Amino acid sequence: MPLVLLGSVASTSLWCLFGAAVGALVRNMVAAIIVAFVWVMYVEWALVSFVPDVGRWTPTGVAKAASGWTRDALSSGPFPAGDLLPVWAGALVMIAYAVIAAVAARLISVRRDVTWKKAGASRPPPHVGARKVGGL
């Protein structure tokens, strides 16, 4: 039981990082929410419905695996439930998804930042993003 709780907390934390990265990648907040909703509710469901083995590699599938699930119990009806990855593999794949999304968001955010491009610099100065505290 404690490992399931730990896996659930870790999985939720990685979903938060992944969601923040998607929000940084998609400039429009409403579009980011719609993209995330459509992906989780429709695209992943369609993938798992038609190709059950793909479900273990989707973000939802690896999050379930990292949380300690062994089978996708929610796939019911005419579509068979697929086996999920082991806990350690689900956690590693979810970490990889979150890190890749965060790195992509960081790189794209820096490229979109126009404040340092006006000065003609080829890359941002080291103080970009730093704040002055108390006039220092």
Protein backbone atom coordinates (compact mmCIF):
# COMPACT_ATOMS: atom_id res chain seq x y z
CA MET A 1 0.00 0.00 0.00
CA PRO A 2 2.71 2.60 0.80
CA LEU A 3 4.37 1.95 -2.57
CA VAL A 4 1.10 2.55 -4.39
CA LEU A 5 0.70 5.85 -2.55
CA LEU A 6 4.29 6.83 -3.34
CA GLY A 7 3.81 5.87 -6.99
CA SER A 8 0.58 7.86 -7.18
CA VAL A 9 2.20 10.97 -5.69
CA ALA A 10 5.20 10.66 -8.02
CA SER A 11 2.95 10.09 -11.02
CA THR A 12 0.81 13.10 -10.16
CA SER A 13 3.92 15.25 -9.73
CA LEU A 14 5.20 14.17 -13.14
CA TRP A 15 1.79 14.91 -14.67
CA CYS A 16 2.07 18.43 -13.20
CA LEU A 17 5.49 18.93 -14.79
CA PHE A 18 4.20 17.53 -18.08
CA GLY A 19 1.14 19.80 -17.97
CA ALA A 20 3.19 22.87 -17.18
CA ALA A 21 5.45 22.07 -20.13
CA VAL A 22 2.45 21.69 -22.46
CA GLY A 23 1.17 25.02 -21.17
CA ALA A 24 4.51 26.63 -21.97
CA LEU A 25 4.65 25.06 -25.42
CA VAL A 26 1.15 26.17 -26.42
CA ARG A 27 0.92 29.94 -26.06
CA ASN A 28 -2.86 30.16 -25.77
CA MET A 29 -4.13 28.93 -22.40
CA VAL A 30 -7.50 27.79 -23.72
CA ALA A 31 -5.84 25.93 -26.60
CA ALA A 32 -3.45 24.20 -24.18
CA ILE A 33 -6.34 23.00 -22.03
CA ILE A 34 -8.29 21.82 -25.06
CA VAL A 35 -5.26 19.99 -26.51
CA ALA A 36 -4.61 18.24 -23.20
CA PHE A 37 -8.28 17.32 -22.74
CA VAL A 38 -8.70 16.02 -26.29
CA TRP A 39 -5.49 14.00 -26.04
CA VAL A 40 -6.38 12.31 -22.75
CA MET A 41 -10.10 11.83 -23.39
CA TYR A 42 -10.22 10.99 -27.09
CA VAL A 43 -6.86 10.36 -28.77
CA GLU A 44 -5.47 8.00 -26.14
CA TRP A 45 -8.82 6.24 -25.84
CA ALA A 46 -8.97 5.69 -29.61
CA LEU A 47 -5.38 4.43 -29.70
CA VAL A 48 -5.99 1.99 -26.86
CA SER A 49 -9.30 0.88 -28.32
CA PHE A 50 -7.89 -0.06 -31.68
CA VAL A 51 -4.35 -1.07 -30.68
CA PRO A 52 -4.41 -2.17 -27.00
CA ASP A 53 -0.64 -2.72 -26.84
CA VAL A 54 -0.04 0.99 -27.51
CA GLY A 55 -1.82 1.87 -24.28
CA ARG A 56 1.12 0.86 -22.15
CA TRP A 57 3.28 3.57 -23.80
CA THR A 58 0.85 6.50 -23.68
CA PRO A 59 1.31 9.10 -20.92
CA THR A 60 -1.81 7.83 -19.15
CA GLY A 61 -0.66 4.21 -19.46
CA VAL A 62 2.79 4.86 -18.04
CA ALA A 63 1.30 7.00 -15.25
CA LYS A 64 -1.00 4.12 -14.33
CA ALA A 65 1.96 1.75 -14.38
CA ALA A 66 4.02 4.08 -12.19
CA SER A 67 1.09 4.21 -9.76
CA GLY A 68 1.15 0.44 -9.35
CA TRP A 69 -1.58 -0.70 -11.72
CA THR A 70 -0.88 -3.98 -13.46
CA ARG A 71 -3.75 -4.03 -15.97
CA ASP A 72 -5.73 -1.32 -17.62
CA ALA A 73 -8.98 -2.08 -15.82
CA LEU A 74 -10.86 0.80 -17.43
CA SER A 75 -10.70 -0.75 -20.91
CA SER A 76 -13.97 -2.59 -20.89
CA GLY A 77 -16.56 -3.52 -23.44
CA PRO A 78 -15.60 -4.94 -26.83
CA PHE A 79 -11.96 -3.87 -26.44
CA PRO A 80 -9.62 -6.05 -24.40
CA ALA A 81 -7.69 -4.63 -21.50
CA GLY A 82 -3.97 -4.42 -22.12
CA ASP A 83 -1.12 -5.20 -19.78
CA LEU A 84 0.78 -2.21 -18.45
CA LEU A 85 4.51 -1.78 -17.95
CA PRO A 86 6.18 -2.75 -14.67
CA VAL A 87 6.18 -0.02 -12.03
CA TRP A 88 9.85 0.88 -12.50
CA ALA A 89 9.52 1.04 -16.31
CA GLY A 90 6.36 3.12 -16.12
CA ALA A 91 8.09 5.55 -13.78
CA LEU A 92 11.14 5.83 -16.04
CA VAL A 93 9.04 6.41 -19.17
CA MET A 94 6.89 9.00 -17.37
CA ILE A 95 10.04 10.77 -16.17
CA ALA A 96 11.35 10.73 -19.74
CA TYR A 97 8.08 12.19 -21.09
CA ALA A 98 8.07 14.95 -18.45
CA VAL A 99 11.76 15.82 -18.93
CA ILE A 100 11.50 15.87 -22.73
CA ALA A 101 8.43 18.11 -22.56
CA ALA A 102 10.10 20.42 -20.01
CA VAL A 103 13.30 20.73 -22.04
CA ALA A 104 11.31 21.42 -25.22
CA ALA A 105 9.27 24.05 -23.39
CA ARG A 106 12.43 25.68 -22.04
CA LEU A 107 14.12 25.79 -25.44
CA ILE A 108 11.06 27.13 -27.21
CA SER A 109 10.34 29.67 -24.47
CA VAL A 110 13.86 31.07 -24.71
CA ARG A 111 13.55 31.28 -28.50
CA ARG A 112 10.23 33.11 -28.22
CA ASP A 113 11.63 35.64 -25.77
CA VAL A 114 12.17 38.81 -27.77
CA THR A 115 13.61 41.04 -25.05
CA TRP A 116 17.22 40.02 -25.64
CA LYS A 117 16.87 39.72 -29.42
CA LYS A 118 16.31 43.46 -29.77
CA ALA A 119 19.88 44.10 -28.65
CA GLY A 120 21.24 41.96 -31.51
CA ALA A 121 22.75 39.31 -29.23
CA SER A 122 23.05 35.78 -30.54
CA ARG A 123 22.03 34.30 -27.19
CA PRO A 124 20.46 35.66 -24.02
CA PRO A 125 22.71 37.35 -21.49
CA PRO A 126 23.20 35.46 -18.21
CA HIS A 127 21.04 37.91 -16.27
CA VAL A 128 17.88 37.35 -18.32
CA GLY A 129 15.15 36.34 -15.92
CA ALA A 130 17.02 37.58 -12.85
CA ARG A 131 15.36 40.23 -10.71
CA LYS A 132 16.88 43.03 -8.76
CA VAL A 133 16.06 42.80 -5.10
CA GLY A 134 15.90 45.95 -3.04
CA GLY A 135 17.65 48.06 -5.68
CA LEU A 136 20.87 46.03 -5.51
